[in-house]
Amino acid sequence: EDGIIWSQIRPDDLNRAGATEDELEGFIDMLKTVQNVKVAVVFQEQAGGIIKVGFRSKDKNIDVDKIASVFGGGGHKMASGCKIKGSLDAVKIKVLAEIKKNLNKD
């Protein structure tokens, strides 16, 4: 939607798949390969009510470091991340709204 692709991962998802967090490495980059995607996001629920958010930009005009910095994170223009305390649903709403705001600056 709007050039954004996202996925969410809960601890139960990893348990059911018999997977570890280490095996998620590169998952966000696979999302980024989908046609017409400008930004890929992965929301990963962690212990203590923390949501780890990873961002990748496929469009050099979209600086995901700036988006992550709104939530206290950072990284690089094309790849960044942050950790946000809150429920998965509430964090998704805030983060996706911020991304859309940045997409509409064109």
PDB file of N, CA and C in Angstrom:
ATOM      1  N   GLU A   1       0.839  -1.184   0.000  1.00  0.00           N
ATOM      2  CA  GLU A   1       0.000   0.000   0.000  1.00  0.00           C
ATOM      3  C   GLU A   1       0.881   1.242   0.000  1.00  0.00           C
ATOM      4  N   ASP A   2       0.629   2.170  -0.904  1.00  0.00           N
ATOM      5  CA  ASP A   2       1.362   3.430  -0.962  1.00  0.00           C
ATOM      6  C   ASP A   2       2.870   3.251  -1.101  1.00  0.00           C
ATOM      7  N   GLY A   3       3.308   2.131  -1.664  1.00  0.00           N
ATOM      8  CA  GLY A   3       4.737   1.898  -1.810  1.00  0.00           C
ATOM      9  C   GLY A   3       5.393   1.339  -0.559  1.00  0.00           C
ATOM     10  N   ILE A   4       4.588   0.945   0.428  1.00  0.00           N
ATOM     11  CA  ILE A   4       5.106   0.409   1.688  1.00  0.00           C
ATOM     12  C   ILE A   4       4.747  -1.077   1.779  1.00  0.00           C
ATOM     13  N   ILE A   5       5.731  -1.878   2.120  1.00  0.00           N
ATOM     14  CA  ILE A   5       5.461  -3.281   2.438  1.00  0.00           C
ATOM     15  C   ILE A   5       5.950  -3.505   3.857  1.00  0.00           C
ATOM     16  N   TRP A   6       5.166  -4.217   4.648  1.00  0.00           N
ATOM     17  CA  TRP A   6       5.575  -4.462   6.023  1.00  0.00           C
ATOM     18  C   TRP A   6       5.171  -5.866   6.458  1.00  0.00           C
ATOM     19  N   SER A   7       5.874  -6.311   7.484  1.00  0.00           N
ATOM     20  CA  SER A   7       5.572  -7.600   8.074  1.00  0.00           C
ATOM     21  C   SER A   7       5.736  -7.482   9.581  1.00  0.00           C
ATOM     22  N   GLN A   8       5.036  -8.339  10.291  1.00  0.00           N
ATOM     23  CA  GLN A   8       5.174  -8.361  11.747  1.00  0.00           C
ATOM     24  C   GLN A   8       5.569  -9.764  12.173  1.00  0.00           C
ATOM     25  N   ILE A   9       6.406  -9.807  13.204  1.00  0.00           N
ATOM     26  CA  ILE A   9       6.881 -11.088  13.714  1.00  0.00           C
ATOM     27  C   ILE A   9       6.711 -11.078  15.230  1.00  0.00           C
ATOM     28  N   ARG A  10       5.977 -12.042  15.709  1.00  0.00           N
ATOM     29  CA  ARG A  10       5.764 -12.202  17.149  1.00  0.00           C
ATOM     30  C   ARG A  10       6.591 -13.409  17.624  1.00  0.00           C
ATOM     31  N   PRO A  11       6.912 -13.455  18.917  1.00  0.00           N
ATOM     32  CA  PRO A  11       7.658 -14.614  19.428  1.00  0.00           C
ATOM     33  C   PRO A  11       6.991 -15.949  19.095  1.00  0.00           C
ATOM     34  N   ASP A  12       5.646 -15.994  19.134  1.00  0.00           N
ATOM     35  CA  ASP A  12       4.932 -17.232  18.796  1.00  0.00           C
ATOM     36  C   ASP A  12       5.188 -17.657  17.356  1.00  0.00           C
ATOM     37  N   ASP A  13       5.349 -16.665  16.449  1.00  0.00           N
ATOM     38  CA  ASP A  13       5.635 -16.987  15.045  1.00  0.00           C
ATOM     39  C   ASP A  13       6.963 -17.728  14.937  1.00  0.00           C
ATOM     40  N   LEU A  14       7.964 -17.226  15.656  1.00  0.00           N
ATOM     41  CA  LEU A  14       9.277 -17.875  15.635  1.00  0.00           C
ATOM     42  C   LEU A  14       9.190 -19.277  16.233  1.00  0.00           C
ATOM     43  N   ASN A  15       8.474 -19.395  17.351  1.00  0.00           N
ATOM     44  CA  ASN A  15       8.335 -20.701  18.006  1.00  0.00           C
ATOM     45  C   ASN A  15       7.660 -21.723  17.098  1.00  0.00           C
ATOM     46  N   ARG A  16       6.564 -21.315  16.458  1.00  0.00           N
ATOM     47  CA  ARG A  16       5.842 -22.233  15.556  1.00  0.00           C
ATOM     48  C   ARG A  16       6.719 -22.676  14.389  1.00  0.00           C
ATOM     49  N   ALA A  17       7.564 -21.770  13.913  1.00  0.00           N
ATOM     50  CA  ALA A  17       8.433 -22.091  12.777  1.00  0.00           C
ATOM     51  C   ALA A  17       9.713 -22.805  13.205  1.00  0.00           C
ATOM     52  N   GLY A  18       9.933 -22.884  14.523  1.00  0.00           N
ATOM     53  CA  GLY A  18      11.169 -23.479  15.007  1.00  0.00           C
ATOM     54  C   GLY A  18      12.374 -22.643  14.605  1.00  0.00           C
ATOM     55  N   ALA A  19      12.173 -21.326  14.524  1.00  0.00           N
ATOM     56  CA  ALA A  19      13.215 -20.408  14.051  1.00  0.00           C
ATOM     57  C   ALA A  19      13.767 -19.578  15.203  1.00  0.00           C
ATOM     58  N   THR A  20      14.907 -18.984  14.957  1.00  0.00           N
ATOM     59  CA  THR A  20      15.527 -18.077  15.922  1.00  0.00           C
ATOM     60  C   THR A  20      15.579 -16.678  15.323  1.00  0.00           C
ATOM     61  N   GLU A  21      15.828 -15.692  16.177  1.00  0.00           N
ATOM     62  CA  GLU A  21      15.941 -14.312  15.689  1.00  0.00           C
ATOM     63  C   GLU A  21      17.070 -14.173  14.678  1.00  0.00           C
ATOM     64  N   ASP A  22      18.135 -14.931  14.858  1.00  0.00           N
ATOM     65  CA  ASP A  22      19.259 -14.872  13.920  1.00  0.00           C
ATOM     66  C   ASP A  22      18.832 -15.229  12.497  1.00  0.00           C
ATOM     67  N   GLU A  23      17.843 -16.078  12.383  1.00  0.00           N
ATOM     68  CA  GLU A  23      17.391 -16.511  11.067  1.00  0.00           C
ATOM     69  C   GLU A  23      16.547 -15.452  10.351  1.00  0.00           C
ATOM     70  N   LEU A  24      16.243 -14.363  11.038  1.00  0.00           N
ATOM     71  CA  LEU A  24      15.492 -13.272  10.410  1.00  0.00           C
ATOM     72  C   LEU A  24      16.405 -12.358   9.586  1.00  0.00           C
ATOM     73  N   GLU A  25      17.705 -12.514   9.757  1.00  0.00           N
ATOM     74  CA  GLU A  25      18.669 -11.688   9.025  1.00  0.00           C
ATOM     75  C   GLU A  25      18.399 -11.785   7.528  1.00  0.00           C
ATOM     76  N   GLY A  26      18.223 -10.661   6.886  1.00  0.00           N
ATOM     77  CA  GLY A  26      17.976 -10.627   5.447  1.00  0.00           C
ATOM     78  C   GLY A  26      16.507 -10.669   5.062  1.00  0.00           C
ATOM     79  N   PHE A  27      15.628 -10.981   6.013  1.00  0.00           N
ATOM     80  CA  PHE A  27      14.202 -11.062   5.713  1.00  0.00           C
ATOM     81  C   PHE A  27      13.672  -9.747   5.154  1.00  0.00           C
ATOM     82  N   ILE A  28      14.074  -8.634   5.756  1.00  0.00           N
ATOM     83  CA  ILE A  28      13.592  -7.326   5.310  1.00  0.00           C
ATOM     84  C   ILE A  28      14.055  -7.028   3.888  1.00  0.00           C
ATOM     85  N   ASP A  29      15.240  -7.509   3.547  1.00  0.00           N
ATOM     86  CA  ASP A  29      15.743  -7.270   2.192  1.00  0.00           C
ATOM     87  C   ASP A  29      14.935  -8.048   1.156  1.00  0.00           C
ATOM     88  N   MET A  30      14.391  -9.196   1.533  1.00  0.00           N
ATOM     89  CA  MET A  30      13.500  -9.934   0.622  1.00  0.00           C
ATOM     90  C   MET A  30      12.225  -9.141   0.375  1.00  0.00           C
ATOM     91  N   LEU A  31      11.686  -8.525   1.423  1.00  0.00           N
ATOM     92  CA  LEU A  31      10.476  -7.720   1.256  1.00  0.00           C
ATOM     93  C   LEU A  31      10.710  -6.584   0.263  1.00  0.00           C
ATOM     94  N   LYS A  32      11.886  -6.034   0.339  1.00  0.00           N
ATOM     95  CA  LYS A  32      12.234  -4.882  -0.504  1.00  0.00           C
ATOM     96  C   LYS A  32      12.260  -5.219  -1.996  1.00  0.00           C
ATOM     97  N   THR A  33      12.323  -6.501  -2.333  1.00  0.00           N
ATOM     98  CA  THR A  33      12.404  -6.889  -3.742  1.00  0.00           C
ATOM     99  C   THR A  33      11.051  -6.869  -4.451  1.00  0.00           C
ATOM    100  N   VAL A  34       9.975  -6.715  -3.694  1.00  0.00           N
ATOM    101  CA  VAL A  34       8.637  -6.692  -4.294  1.00  0.00           C
ATOM    102  C   VAL A  34       8.497  -5.458  -5.194  1.00  0.00           C
ATOM    103  N   GLN A  35       7.904  -5.661  -6.348  1.00  0.00           N
ATOM    104  CA  GLN A  35       7.736  -4.584  -7.324  1.00  0.00           C
ATOM    105  C   GLN A  35       6.911  -3.433  -6.744  1.00  0.00           C
ATOM    106  N   ASN A  36       7.282  -2.223  -7.092  1.00  0.00           N
ATOM    107  CA  ASN A  36       6.612  -0.978  -6.698  1.00  0.00           C
ATOM    108  C   ASN A  36       6.768  -0.624  -5.222  1.00  0.00           C
ATOM    109  N   VAL A  37       7.626  -1.320  -4.511  1.00  0.00           N
ATOM    110  CA  VAL A  37       7.873  -1.010  -3.107  1.00  0.00           C
ATOM    111  C   VAL A  37       8.927   0.086  -3.014  1.00  0.00           C
ATOM    112  N   LYS A  38       8.650   1.063  -2.151  1.00  0.00           N
ATOM    113  CA  LYS A  38       9.615   2.127  -1.885  1.00  0.00           C
ATOM    114  C   LYS A  38      10.278   1.931  -0.528  1.00  0.00           C
ATOM    115  N   VAL A  39       9.503   1.434   0.447  1.00  0.00           N
ATOM    116  CA  VAL A  39      10.007   1.237   1.802  1.00  0.00           C
ATOM    117  C   VAL A  39       9.520  -0.113   2.328  1.00  0.00           C
ATOM    118  N   ALA A  40      10.444  -0.875   2.923  1.00  0.00           N
ATOM    119  CA  ALA A  40      10.107  -2.133   3.584  1.00  0.00           C
ATOM    120  C   ALA A  40      10.298  -1.948   5.090  1.00  0.00           C
ATOM    121  N   VAL A  41       9.382  -2.517   5.860  1.00  0.00           N
ATOM    122  CA  VAL A  41       9.430  -2.387   7.316  1.00  0.00           C
ATOM    123  C   VAL A  41       9.133  -3.746   7.947  1.00  0.00           C
ATOM    124  N   VAL A  42       9.905  -4.086   8.976  1.00  0.00           N
ATOM    125  CA  VAL A  42       9.616  -5.285   9.767  1.00  0.00           C
ATOM    126  C   VAL A  42       9.437  -4.854  11.216  1.00  0.00           C
ATOM    127  N   PHE A  43       8.293  -5.248  11.778  1.00  0.00           N
ATOM    128  CA  PHE A  43       7.974  -5.005  13.180  1.00  0.00           C
ATOM    129  C   PHE A  43       8.177  -6.321  13.922  1.00  0.00           C
ATOM    130  N   GLN A  44       9.097  -6.332  14.875  1.00  0.00           N
ATOM    131  CA  GLN A  44       9.364  -7.562  15.623  1.00  0.00           C
ATOM    132  C   GLN A  44       9.078  -7.339  17.095  1.00  0.00           C
ATOM    133  N   GLU A  45       8.087  -8.065  17.583  1.00  0.00           N
ATOM    134  CA  GLU A  45       7.697  -7.968  18.991  1.00  0.00           C
ATOM    135  C   GLU A  45       8.741  -8.676  19.851  1.00  0.00           C
ATOM    136  N   GLN A  46       9.212  -7.970  20.883  1.00  0.00           N
ATOM    137  CA  GLN A  46      10.211  -8.529  21.786  1.00  0.00           C
ATOM    138  C   GLN A  46       9.703  -8.476  23.219  1.00  0.00           C
ATOM    139  N   ALA A  47      10.453  -9.070  24.111  1.00  0.00           N
ATOM    140  CA  ALA A  47      10.062  -9.099  25.521  1.00  0.00           C
ATOM    141  C   ALA A  47       9.993  -7.687  26.097  1.00  0.00           C
ATOM    142  N   GLY A  48       9.155  -7.515  27.112  1.00  0.00           N
ATOM    143  CA  GLY A  48       9.065  -6.242  27.810  1.00  0.00           C
ATOM    144  C   GLY A  48       8.275  -5.176  27.080  1.00  0.00           C
ATOM    145  N   GLY A  49       7.443  -5.579  26.134  1.00  0.00           N
ATOM    146  CA  GLY A  49       6.629  -4.601  25.418  1.00  0.00           C
ATOM    147  C   GLY A  49       7.426  -3.728  24.469  1.00  0.00           C
ATOM    148  N   ILE A  50       8.516  -4.259  23.951  1.00  0.00           N
ATOM    149  CA  ILE A  50       9.367  -3.524  23.010  1.00  0.00           C
ATOM    150  C   ILE A  50       9.126  -4.054  21.605  1.00  0.00           C
ATOM    151  N   ILE A  51       8.983  -3.125  20.665  1.00  0.00           N
ATOM    152  CA  ILE A  51       8.854  -3.493  19.261  1.00  0.00           C
ATOM    153  C   ILE A  51      10.115  -3.008  18.543  1.00  0.00           C
ATOM    154  N   LYS A  52      10.824  -3.941  17.952  1.00  0.00           N
ATOM    155  CA  LYS A  52      12.006  -3.618  17.155  1.00  0.00           C
ATOM    156  C   LYS A  52      11.521  -3.366  15.736  1.00  0.00           C
ATOM    157  N   VAL A  53      11.894  -2.218  15.179  1.00  0.00           N
ATOM    158  CA  VAL A  53      11.425  -1.843  13.850  1.00  0.00           C
ATOM    159  C   VAL A  53      12.632  -1.678  12.937  1.00  0.00           C
ATOM    160  N   GLY A  54      12.624  -2.400  11.832  1.00  0.00           N
ATOM    161  CA  GLY A  54      13.677  -2.270  10.830  1.00  0.00           C
ATOM    162  C   GLY A  54      13.114  -1.609   9.589  1.00  0.00           C
ATOM    163  N   PHE A  55      13.887  -0.699   9.010  1.00  0.00           N
ATOM    164  CA  PHE A  55      13.468   0.032   7.809  1.00  0.00           C
ATOM    165  C   PHE A  55      14.492  -0.185   6.687  1.00  0.00           C
ATOM    166  N   ARG A  56      14.005  -0.332   5.466  1.00  0.00           N
ATOM    167  CA  ARG A  56      14.872  -0.325   4.296  1.00  0.00           C
ATOM    168  C   ARG A  56      14.184   0.520   3.236  1.00  0.00           C
ATOM    169  N   SER A  57      14.964   1.375   2.606  1.00  0.00           N
ATOM    170  CA  SER A  57      14.422   2.202   1.529  1.00  0.00           C
ATOM    171  C   SER A  57      14.967   1.702   0.195  1.00  0.00           C
ATOM    172  N   LYS A  58      14.098   1.665  -0.773  1.00  0.00           N
ATOM    173  CA  LYS A  58      14.483   1.270  -2.121  1.00  0.00           C
ATOM    174  C   LYS A  58      14.562   2.516  -3.010  1.00  0.00           C
ATOM    175  N   ASP A  59      14.130   3.639  -2.467  1.00  0.00           N
ATOM    176  CA  ASP A  59      14.058   4.906  -3.187  1.00  0.00           C
ATOM    177  C   ASP A  59      15.041   5.878  -2.539  1.00  0.00           C
ATOM    178  N   LYS A  60      16.024   6.325  -3.295  1.00  0.00           N
ATOM    179  CA  LYS A  60      17.067   7.192  -2.721  1.00  0.00           C
ATOM    180  C   LYS A  60      16.519   8.521  -2.210  1.00  0.00           C
ATOM    181  N   ASN A  61      15.290   8.867  -2.571  1.00  0.00           N
ATOM    182  CA  ASN A  61      14.675  10.101  -2.096  1.00  0.00           C
ATOM    183  C   ASN A  61      13.964   9.935  -0.751  1.00  0.00           C
ATOM    184  N   ILE A  62      13.901   8.708  -0.248  1.00  0.00           N
ATOM    185  CA  ILE A  62      13.248   8.450   1.034  1.00  0.00           C
ATOM    186  C   ILE A  62      14.323   8.058   2.039  1.00  0.00           C
ATOM    187  N   ASP A  63      14.555   8.921   3.010  1.00  0.00           N
ATOM    188  CA  ASP A  63      15.601   8.747   4.018  1.00  0.00           C
ATOM    189  C   ASP A  63      15.007   8.073   5.253  1.00  0.00           C
ATOM    190  N   VAL A  64      15.189   6.755   5.366  1.00  0.00           N
ATOM    191  CA  VAL A  64      14.606   6.045   6.502  1.00  0.00           C
ATOM    192  C   VAL A  64      15.354   6.330   7.807  1.00  0.00           C
ATOM    193  N   ASP A  65      16.568   6.861   7.719  1.00  0.00           N
ATOM    194  CA  ASP A  65      17.274   7.283   8.934  1.00  0.00           C
ATOM    195  C   ASP A  65      16.496   8.408   9.621  1.00  0.00           C
ATOM    196  N   LYS A  66      15.970   9.339   8.836  1.00  0.00           N
ATOM    197  CA  LYS A  66      15.166  10.434   9.400  1.00  0.00           C
ATOM    198  C   LYS A  66      13.889   9.902  10.039  1.00  0.00           C
ATOM    199  N   ILE A  67      13.287   8.911   9.409  1.00  0.00           N
ATOM    200  CA  ILE A  67      12.059   8.324   9.963  1.00  0.00           C
ATOM    201  C   ILE A  67      12.376   7.625  11.279  1.00  0.00           C
ATOM    202  N   ALA A  68      13.429   6.822  11.309  1.00  0.00           N
ATOM    203  CA  ALA A  68      13.810   6.112  12.539  1.00  0.00           C
ATOM    204  C   ALA A  68      14.174   7.095  13.650  1.00  0.00           C
ATOM    205  N   SER A  69      14.781   8.224  13.288  1.00  0.00           N
ATOM    206  CA  SER A  69      15.200   9.192  14.308  1.00  0.00           C
ATOM    207  C   SER A  69      14.011   9.815  15.034  1.00  0.00           C
ATOM    208  N   VAL A  70      12.851   9.873  14.387  1.00  0.00           N
ATOM    209  CA  VAL A  70      11.634  10.362  15.039  1.00  0.00           C
ATOM    210  C   VAL A  70      11.306   9.498  16.261  1.00  0.00           C
ATOM    211  N   PHE A  71      11.697   8.214  16.200  1.00  0.00           N
ATOM    212  CA  PHE A  71      11.396   7.267  17.269  1.00  0.00           C
ATOM    213  C   PHE A  71      12.631   6.920  18.102  1.00  0.00           C
ATOM    214  N   GLY A  72      13.666   7.749  18.012  1.00  0.00           N
ATOM    215  CA  GLY A  72      14.865   7.549  18.822  1.00  0.00           C
ATOM    216  C   GLY A  72      15.866   6.581  18.239  1.00  0.00           C
ATOM    217  N   GLY A  73      15.675   6.181  16.996  1.00  0.00           N
ATOM    218  CA  GLY A  73      16.588   5.238  16.346  1.00  0.00           C
ATOM    219  C   GLY A  73      17.488   5.932  15.349  1.00  0.00           C
ATOM    220  N   GLY A  74      18.054   5.153  14.463  1.00  0.00           N
ATOM    221  CA  GLY A  74      18.928   5.716  13.453  1.00  0.00           C
ATOM    222  C   GLY A  74      19.565   4.643  12.616  1.00  0.00           C
ATOM    223  N   GLY A  75      20.514   5.065  11.829  1.00  0.00           N
ATOM    224  CA  GLY A  75      21.203   4.148  10.928  1.00  0.00           C
ATOM    225  C   GLY A  75      21.736   4.904   9.749  1.00  0.00           C
ATOM    226  N   HIS A  76      21.283   4.514   8.586  1.00  0.00           N
ATOM    227  CA  HIS A  76      21.716   5.125   7.331  1.00  0.00           C
ATOM    228  C   HIS A  76      20.492   5.545   6.527  1.00  0.00           C
ATOM    229  N   LYS A  77      20.738   6.305   5.485  1.00  0.00           N
ATOM    230  CA  LYS A  77      19.647   6.811   4.642  1.00  0.00           C
ATOM    231  C   LYS A  77      18.792   5.673   4.076  1.00  0.00           C
ATOM    232  N   MET A  78      19.426   4.576   3.704  1.00  0.00           N
ATOM    233  CA  MET A  78      18.705   3.480   3.055  1.00  0.00           C
ATOM    234  C   MET A  78      18.388   2.313   3.998  1.00  0.00           C
ATOM    235  N   ALA A  79      18.957   2.318   5.206  1.00  0.00           N
ATOM    236  CA  ALA A  79      18.722   1.224   6.157  1.00  0.00           C
ATOM    237  C   ALA A  79      18.857   1.758   7.578  1.00  0.00           C
ATOM    238  N   SER A  80      17.826   1.556   8.375  1.00  0.00           N
ATOM    239  CA  SER A  80      17.877   2.038   9.754  1.00  0.00           C
ATOM    240  C   SER A  80      16.910   1.235  10.610  1.00  0.00           C
ATOM    241  N   GLY A  81      16.869   1.576  11.891  1.00  0.00           N
ATOM    242  CA  GLY A  81      15.980   0.872  12.788  1.00  0.00           C
ATOM    243  C   GLY A  81      15.798   1.615  14.092  1.00  0.00           C
ATOM    244  N   CYS A  82      14.880   1.119  14.899  1.00  0.00           N
ATOM    245  CA  CYS A  82      14.619   1.703  16.206  1.00  0.00           C
ATOM    246  C   CYS A  82      13.909   0.670  17.065  1.00  0.00           C
ATOM    247  N   LYS A  83      13.811   0.969  18.344  1.00  0.00           N
ATOM    248  CA  LYS A  83      13.023   0.161  19.275  1.00  0.00           C
ATOM    249  C   LYS A  83      12.035   1.091  19.950  1.00  0.00           C
ATOM    250  N   ILE A  84      10.772   0.668  19.980  1.00  0.00           N
ATOM    251  CA  ILE A  84       9.703   1.491  20.521  1.00  0.00           C
ATOM    252  C   ILE A  84       8.926   0.679  21.550  1.00  0.00           C
ATOM    253  N   LYS A  85       8.693   1.263  22.707  1.00  0.00           N
ATOM    254  CA  LYS A  85       7.890   0.597  23.733  1.00  0.00           C
ATOM    255  C   LYS A  85       6.413   0.818  23.403  1.00  0.00           C
ATOM    256  N   GLY A  86       5.646  -0.262  23.442  1.00  0.00           N
ATOM    257  CA  GLY A  86       4.218  -0.160  23.173  1.00  0.00           C
ATOM    258  C   GLY A  86       3.683  -1.445  22.596  1.00  0.00           C
ATOM    259  N   SER A  87       2.399  -1.444  22.320  1.00  0.00           N
ATOM    260  CA  SER A  87       1.793  -2.632  21.711  1.00  0.00           C
ATOM    261  C   SER A  87       2.148  -2.660  20.229  1.00  0.00           C
ATOM    262  N   LEU A  88       2.157  -3.849  19.681  1.00  0.00           N
ATOM    263  CA  LEU A  88       2.491  -4.013  18.266  1.00  0.00           C
ATOM    264  C   LEU A  88       1.565  -3.176  17.385  1.00  0.00           C
ATOM    265  N   ASP A  89       0.273  -3.236  17.652  1.00  0.00           N
ATOM    266  CA  ASP A  89      -0.687  -2.499  16.827  1.00  0.00           C
ATOM    267  C   ASP A  89      -0.491  -0.989  16.926  1.00  0.00           C
ATOM    268  N   ALA A  90      -0.271  -0.478  18.134  1.00  0.00           N
ATOM    269  CA  ALA A  90      -0.090   0.966  18.307  1.00  0.00           C
ATOM    270  C   ALA A  90       1.191   1.441  17.631  1.00  0.00           C
ATOM    271  N   VAL A  91       2.252   0.669  17.753  1.00  0.00           N
ATOM    272  CA  VAL A  91       3.520   1.044  17.126  1.00  0.00           C
ATOM    273  C   VAL A  91       3.383   1.036  15.606  1.00  0.00           C
ATOM    274  N   LYS A  92       2.725   0.020  15.067  1.00  0.00           N
ATOM    275  CA  LYS A  92       2.525  -0.044  13.604  1.00  0.00           C
ATOM    276  C   LYS A  92       1.801   1.202  13.103  1.00  0.00           C
ATOM    277  N   ILE A  93       0.757   1.604  13.793  1.00  0.00           N
ATOM    278  CA  ILE A  93      -0.020   2.775  13.371  1.00  0.00           C
ATOM    279  C   ILE A  93       0.863   4.015  13.332  1.00  0.00           C
ATOM    280  N   LYS A  94       1.643   4.244  14.394  1.00  0.00           N
ATOM    281  CA  LYS A  94       2.505   5.437  14.456  1.00  0.00           C
ATOM    282  C   LYS A  94       3.594   5.414  13.383  1.00  0.00           C
ATOM    283  N   VAL A  95       4.235   4.273  13.247  1.00  0.00           N
ATOM    284  CA  VAL A  95       5.356   4.172  12.297  1.00  0.00           C
ATOM    285  C   VAL A  95       4.862   4.289  10.861  1.00  0.00           C
ATOM    286  N   LEU A  96       3.805   3.582  10.510  1.00  0.00           N
ATOM    287  CA  LEU A  96       3.298   3.648   9.135  1.00  0.00           C
ATOM    288  C   LEU A  96       2.810   5.058   8.799  1.00  0.00           C
ATOM    289  N   ALA A  97       2.219   5.757   9.756  1.00  0.00           N
ATOM    290  CA  ALA A  97       1.795   7.142   9.524  1.00  0.00           C
ATOM    291  C   ALA A  97       3.004   8.037   9.235  1.00  0.00           C
ATOM    292  N   GLU A  98       4.085   7.836   9.972  1.00  0.00           N
ATOM    293  CA  GLU A  98       5.293   8.637   9.754  1.00  0.00           C
ATOM    294  C   GLU A  98       5.907   8.346   8.385  1.00  0.00           C
ATOM    295  N   ILE A  99       5.907   7.086   7.993  1.00  0.00           N
ATOM    296  CA  ILE A  99       6.435   6.734   6.662  1.00  0.00           C
ATOM    297  C   ILE A  99       5.596   7.389   5.581  1.00  0.00           C
ATOM    298  N   LYS A 100       4.267   7.276   5.702  1.00  0.00           N
ATOM    299  CA  LYS A 100       3.383   7.869   4.690  1.00  0.00           C
ATOM    300  C   LYS A 100       3.581   9.368   4.593  1.00  0.00           C
ATOM    301  N   LYS A 101       3.785  10.021   5.725  1.00  0.00           N
ATOM    302  CA  LYS A 101       4.048  11.457   5.742  1.00  0.00           C
ATOM    303  C   LYS A 101       5.295  11.772   4.917  1.00  0.00           C
ATOM    304  N   ASN A 102       6.320  10.950   5.046  1.00  0.00           N
ATOM    305  CA  ASN A 102       7.567  11.160   4.311  1.00  0.00           C
ATOM    306  C   ASN A 102       7.426  10.799   2.839  1.00  0.00           C
ATOM    307  N   LEU A 103       6.604   9.818   2.521  1.00  0.00           N
ATOM    308  CA  LEU A 103       6.365   9.452   1.120  1.00  0.00           C
ATOM    309  C   LEU A 103       5.633  10.566   0.384  1.00  0.00           C
ATOM    310  N   ASN A 104       4.774  11.260   1.089  1.00  0.00           N
ATOM    311  CA  ASN A 104       3.957  12.306   0.464  1.00  0.00           C
ATOM    312  C   ASN A 104       4.689  13.635   0.317  1.00  0.00           C
ATOM    313  N   LYS A 105       5.956  13.677   0.668  1.00  0.00           N
ATOM    314  CA  LYS A 105       6.747  14.905   0.503  1.00  0.00           C
ATOM    315  C   LYS A 105       7.195  15.119  -0.938  1.00  0.00           C
ATOM    316  N   ASP A 106       7.020  14.082  -1.773  1.00  0.00           N
ATOM    317  CA  ASP A 106       7.441  14.183  -3.185  1.00  0.00           C
ATOM    318  C   ASP A 106       6.688  15.254  -3.916  1.00  0.00           C
TER     319      ASP A 106
END
